Amino acid sequence: MDEYSTPPGEEPLFDDERADEVPLLEEPPLRPNFFKRLWMVFVQPGELFRALGQNPAWFPMVLFVAVGMGAAIGSLPNAFWEAQMEASGQEVVVFARVAGGVGATVVFLVIPVVISVFTYVIFVFMRGDNATFKQHLSVISHTGIVSLVGMLVGVPLWIRSGSFEEALSIGTFFPFLPEGFLLYFLNQFQLFGLWAIVVAGIGLATLDERRSSGPTIAVLMVLQVVFALVGAGCAVAFAPSF
């Protein structure tokens, strides 16, 4: 082998020795493919989010969820939209169904980013987690799969009741409660929403090895309680009967 020129008193380096000194660029570990991630959210969230923590991905999943949400809203029959608009005193629009689907798609493209900003501020800036915004966005975007399934379950309930207010929530188990603050409050805790909170808590906890899922889920649940109190308060304040 050829020798490289070296200063006097030092051993010469050969080609193979010099090659060992060149650092190799490490490729990020492979993450589960898109379709596998869809079911791992439900059955293996911890394993999924540990993989995504090392190699985050978010936009394809956000787009998939947003389009799915828009399609679910757009699938509601025209009679449903006409009833909603007449009940609110608005003029019936011919393309209300299409507008509702497109509007829902746009909204659900933005929602994961907004939620990720909140979680990033709370867990990174306030709690001191070692995580990036992209990692948070990756967790929140995949959690949206649970919300999408909840939306698909809710569509038949909306069509049957003729109202968006019909949902599977804790309030569903208390049909004897009169309309008021308590019922409005319980209805804010939708079952699939609570499931999504648990999945998000598991995912956010995996981003920092010092954290466990229990306290992380608890923080998210406290936030849900706060939002539920605000939502119930607004419902009572603007309800016609109050």
Protein backbone atom coordinates (compact mmCIF):
# COMPACT_ATOMS: atom_id res chain seq x y z
CA MET A 1 0.00 0.00 0.00
CA ASP A 2 1.08 3.59 -0.59
CA GLU A 3 2.10 5.63 2.42
CA TYR A 4 0.92 9.17 3.10
CA SER A 5 3.61 11.73 3.87
CA THR A 6 3.88 12.30 7.63
CA PRO A 7 6.00 14.57 9.83
CA PRO A 8 9.30 13.13 11.05
CA GLY A 9 9.01 10.88 14.07
CA GLU A 10 5.43 9.81 13.37
CA GLU A 11 4.27 6.49 12.01
CA PRO A 12 2.95 6.69 8.45
CA LEU A 13 -0.77 6.06 7.85
CA PHE A 14 -1.84 3.64 5.16
CA ASP A 15 -4.98 3.88 3.04
CA ASP A 16 -7.06 1.58 5.21
CA GLU A 17 -5.96 3.32 8.42
CA ARG A 18 -6.72 6.76 7.01
CA ALA A 19 -10.16 5.57 5.89
CA ASP A 20 -10.97 4.51 9.47
CA GLU A 21 -10.53 8.12 10.59
CA VAL A 22 -13.27 9.44 8.27
CA PRO A 23 -16.54 9.67 10.24
CA LEU A 24 -19.48 7.96 8.62
CA LEU A 25 -22.77 9.84 8.39
CA GLU A 26 -25.37 7.92 10.36
CA GLU A 27 -28.71 7.54 8.64
CA PRO A 28 -31.82 7.96 10.81
CA PRO A 29 -33.36 4.65 11.87
CA LEU A 30 -36.16 3.36 9.73
CA ARG A 31 -39.65 4.18 10.93
CA PRO A 32 -42.71 2.00 10.31
CA ASN A 33 -44.33 2.61 6.95
CA PHE A 34 -47.40 4.80 6.66
CA PHE A 35 -50.00 2.03 6.69
CA LYS A 36 -48.37 0.20 9.58
CA ARG A 37 -48.40 3.40 11.61
CA LEU A 38 -52.18 3.61 11.19
CA TRP A 39 -52.80 0.52 13.30
CA MET A 40 -49.80 0.92 15.61
CA VAL A 41 -51.44 4.08 16.98
CA PHE A 42 -54.09 1.80 18.51
CA VAL A 43 -52.16 -1.34 19.47
CA GLN A 44 -48.51 -0.29 19.89
CA PRO A 45 -48.41 3.46 20.55
CA GLY A 46 -45.29 3.31 22.73
CA GLU A 47 -43.26 1.43 20.13
CA LEU A 48 -44.55 3.67 17.35
CA PHE A 49 -43.68 6.93 19.07
CA ARG A 50 -40.26 5.72 20.14
CA ALA A 51 -39.51 5.08 16.46
CA LEU A 52 -40.98 8.40 15.41
CA GLY A 53 -38.97 10.18 18.10
CA GLN A 54 -35.79 9.13 16.31
CA ASN A 55 -37.19 9.75 12.82
CA PRO A 56 -40.21 12.09 12.98
CA ALA A 57 -42.85 12.31 10.26
CA TRP A 58 -45.98 14.43 10.32
CA PHE A 59 -47.33 16.01 7.13
CA PRO A 60 -48.59 12.88 5.29
CA MET A 61 -50.50 11.85 8.42
CA VAL A 62 -51.89 15.35 8.98
CA LEU A 63 -53.06 15.45 5.37
CA PHE A 64 -54.62 11.99 5.62
CA VAL A 65 -56.52 12.88 8.80
CA ALA A 66 -57.65 16.27 7.47
CA VAL A 67 -58.94 14.82 4.20
CA GLY A 68 -60.67 12.02 6.13
CA MET A 69 -62.33 14.54 8.44
CA GLY A 70 -63.44 16.64 5.49
CA ALA A 71 -64.82 13.60 3.69
CA ALA A 72 -66.75 12.57 6.81
CA ILE A 73 -68.31 16.02 7.15
CA GLY A 74 -68.99 16.17 3.43
CA SER A 75 -70.74 12.80 3.53
CA LEU A 76 -73.60 14.21 5.61
CA PRO A 77 -76.75 14.40 3.46
CA ASN A 78 -78.07 17.67 2.07
CA ALA A 79 -81.17 17.41 4.28
CA PHE A 80 -78.92 17.50 7.35
CA TRP A 81 -77.19 20.69 6.20
CA GLU A 82 -80.49 22.33 5.30
CA ALA A 83 -81.86 21.57 8.76
CA GLN A 84 -78.75 23.00 10.41
CA MET A 85 -78.88 26.22 8.44
CA GLU A 86 -82.62 26.69 8.93
CA ALA A 87 -82.25 26.11 12.67
CA SER A 88 -79.57 28.82 12.84
CA GLY A 89 -81.67 31.24 10.82
CA GLN A 90 -79.30 31.24 7.86
CA GLU A 91 -80.24 31.02 4.22
CA VAL A 92 -79.86 27.55 2.78
CA VAL A 93 -76.81 27.38 0.53
CA VAL A 94 -76.78 24.90 -2.36
CA PHE A 95 -73.15 23.95 -1.84
CA ALA A 96 -73.26 23.85 1.97
CA ARG A 97 -72.26 20.20 1.96
CA VAL A 98 -69.16 20.83 -0.18
CA ALA A 99 -68.28 23.97 1.75
CA GLY A 100 -68.54 22.06 5.03
CA GLY A 101 -66.21 19.31 3.81
CA VAL A 102 -63.63 21.72 2.40
CA GLY A 103 -63.79 23.92 5.48
CA ALA A 104 -63.30 20.93 7.79
CA THR A 105 -60.27 19.81 5.78
CA VAL A 106 -58.63 23.22 6.12
CA VAL A 107 -59.39 23.44 9.83
CA PHE A 108 -57.96 20.00 10.57
CA LEU A 109 -54.80 20.85 8.64
CA VAL A 110 -54.20 23.68 11.10
CA ILE A 111 -55.37 22.10 14.37
CA PRO A 112 -52.37 19.71 14.83
CA VAL A 113 -49.96 22.62 14.47
CA VAL A 114 -51.85 24.70 17.05
CA ILE A 115 -52.04 21.81 19.52
CA SER A 116 -48.33 21.07 19.02
CA VAL A 117 -47.49 24.68 19.89
CA PHE A 118 -49.39 24.29 23.17
CA THR A 119 -47.77 20.96 24.05
CA TYR A 120 -44.31 22.23 23.09
CA VAL A 121 -44.66 25.28 25.34
CA ILE A 122 -46.02 23.24 28.26
CA PHE A 123 -43.69 20.26 28.15
CA VAL A 124 -40.49 21.74 26.70
CA PHE A 125 -40.43 25.36 27.90
CA MET A 126 -42.26 24.85 31.18
CA ARG A 127 -41.46 21.26 32.18
CA GLY A 128 -38.02 21.11 30.54
CA ASP A 129 -38.43 18.08 28.27
CA ASN A 130 -35.73 17.31 25.72
CA ALA A 131 -37.78 17.30 22.53
CA THR A 132 -38.11 19.23 19.30
CA PHE A 133 -41.21 20.86 17.87
CA LYS A 134 -41.11 18.44 14.95
CA GLN A 135 -41.24 15.52 17.38
CA HIS A 136 -44.28 17.03 19.11
CA LEU A 137 -45.95 17.64 15.76
CA SER A 138 -45.25 14.04 14.79
CA VAL A 139 -46.95 12.73 17.94
CA ILE A 140 -49.98 15.01 17.67
CA SER A 141 -50.48 14.32 13.96
CA HIS A 142 -50.55 10.55 14.52
CA THR A 143 -52.88 10.94 17.49
CA GLY A 144 -55.31 12.46 15.01
CA ILE A 145 -56.02 8.94 13.72
CA VAL A 146 -57.96 8.24 16.92
CA SER A 147 -59.95 11.45 16.45
CA LEU A 148 -60.67 10.49 12.84
CA VAL A 149 -62.15 7.16 13.92
CA GLY A 150 -64.25 9.05 16.47
CA MET A 151 -65.50 11.32 13.71
CA LEU A 152 -66.47 8.34 11.53
CA VAL A 153 -68.38 6.82 14.45
CA GLY A 154 -70.10 10.14 15.07
CA VAL A 155 -71.44 10.60 11.52
CA PRO A 156 -74.31 8.06 11.89
CA LEU A 157 -75.20 9.62 15.26
CA TRP A 158 -75.39 13.08 13.71
CA ILE A 159 -77.56 11.86 10.85
CA ARG A 160 -79.91 10.07 13.27
CA SER A 161 -80.26 13.01 15.63
CA GLY A 162 -80.00 15.75 13.01
CA SER A 163 -77.48 17.62 15.13
CA PHE A 164 -73.73 17.93 15.57
CA GLU A 165 -74.25 17.89 19.33
CA GLU A 166 -74.87 14.14 19.38
CA ALA A 167 -71.63 12.40 20.41
CA LEU A 168 -70.26 9.54 22.45
CA SER A 169 -69.21 11.29 25.63
CA ILE A 170 -69.32 10.81 29.38
CA GLY A 171 -72.60 12.73 29.28
CA THR A 172 -74.06 9.91 27.16
CA PHE A 173 -74.13 7.73 30.28
CA PHE A 174 -76.21 10.30 32.18
CA PRO A 175 -79.31 10.79 30.00
CA PHE A 176 -81.38 11.67 33.06
CA LEU A 177 -79.48 14.91 33.67
CA PRO A 178 -81.35 18.08 32.70
CA GLU A 179 -79.77 20.51 30.30
CA GLY A 180 -77.42 22.72 32.21
CA PHE A 181 -73.82 23.27 33.21
CA LEU A 182 -73.13 19.72 34.46
CA LEU A 183 -74.47 18.04 31.33
CA TYR A 184 -72.63 20.47 29.07
CA PHE A 185 -69.48 19.85 31.08
CA LEU A 186 -69.71 16.05 30.81
CA ASN A 187 -70.43 16.25 27.09
CA GLN A 188 -67.06 17.95 26.58
CA PHE A 189 -65.35 14.66 27.47
CA GLN A 190 -65.87 12.65 24.29
CA LEU A 191 -64.74 9.05 24.59
CA PHE A 192 -62.51 9.10 21.53
CA GLY A 193 -61.12 12.44 22.66
CA LEU A 194 -60.08 10.91 25.98
CA TRP A 195 -58.52 8.00 24.09
CA ALA A 196 -56.58 10.48 21.96
CA ILE A 197 -55.33 12.23 25.10
CA VAL A 198 -53.99 8.95 26.49
CA VAL A 199 -52.25 8.15 23.20
CA ALA A 200 -50.77 11.66 23.00
CA GLY A 201 -49.53 11.38 26.59
CA ILE A 202 -47.81 8.10 25.82
CA GLY A 203 -46.23 9.61 22.71
CA LEU A 204 -45.01 12.82 24.33
CA ALA A 205 -43.51 10.87 27.25
CA THR A 206 -41.42 8.72 24.90
CA LEU A 207 -39.65 11.82 23.56
CA ASP A 208 -37.71 12.23 26.81
CA GLU A 209 -36.37 9.15 28.58
CA ARG A 210 -36.70 10.93 31.94
CA ARG A 211 -40.47 11.12 31.62
CA SER A 212 -43.22 8.59 32.15
CA SER A 213 -46.61 8.49 30.51
CA GLY A 214 -48.69 8.80 33.70
CA PRO A 215 -47.79 12.40 34.66
CA THR A 216 -47.84 13.47 31.01
CA ILE A 217 -51.35 12.11 30.52
CA ALA A 218 -52.40 13.78 33.78
CA VAL A 219 -51.24 17.19 32.54
CA LEU A 220 -53.19 16.75 29.30
CA MET A 221 -56.27 15.67 31.26
CA VAL A 222 -56.06 18.79 33.43
CA LEU A 223 -55.98 20.90 30.28
CA GLN A 224 -59.03 19.04 29.00
CA VAL A 225 -60.86 19.79 32.25
CA VAL A 226 -60.03 23.48 31.92
CA PHE A 227 -61.27 23.59 28.31
CA ALA A 228 -64.41 21.66 29.34
CA LEU A 229 -65.17 24.17 32.08
CA VAL A 230 -64.78 27.04 29.65
CA GLY A 231 -66.88 25.28 27.01
CA ALA A 232 -69.66 24.44 29.45
CA GLY A 233 -69.64 27.98 30.81
CA CYS A 234 -70.00 29.43 27.30
CA ALA A 235 -72.79 26.95 26.48
CA VAL A 236 -74.75 27.97 29.56
CA ALA A 237 -74.14 31.66 28.97
CA PHE A 238 -75.41 31.58 25.39
CA ALA A 239 -78.15 28.96 25.77
CA PRO A 240 -81.60 30.45 25.06
CA SER A 241 -83.08 28.98 28.25
CA PHE A 242 -80.60 30.75 30.53
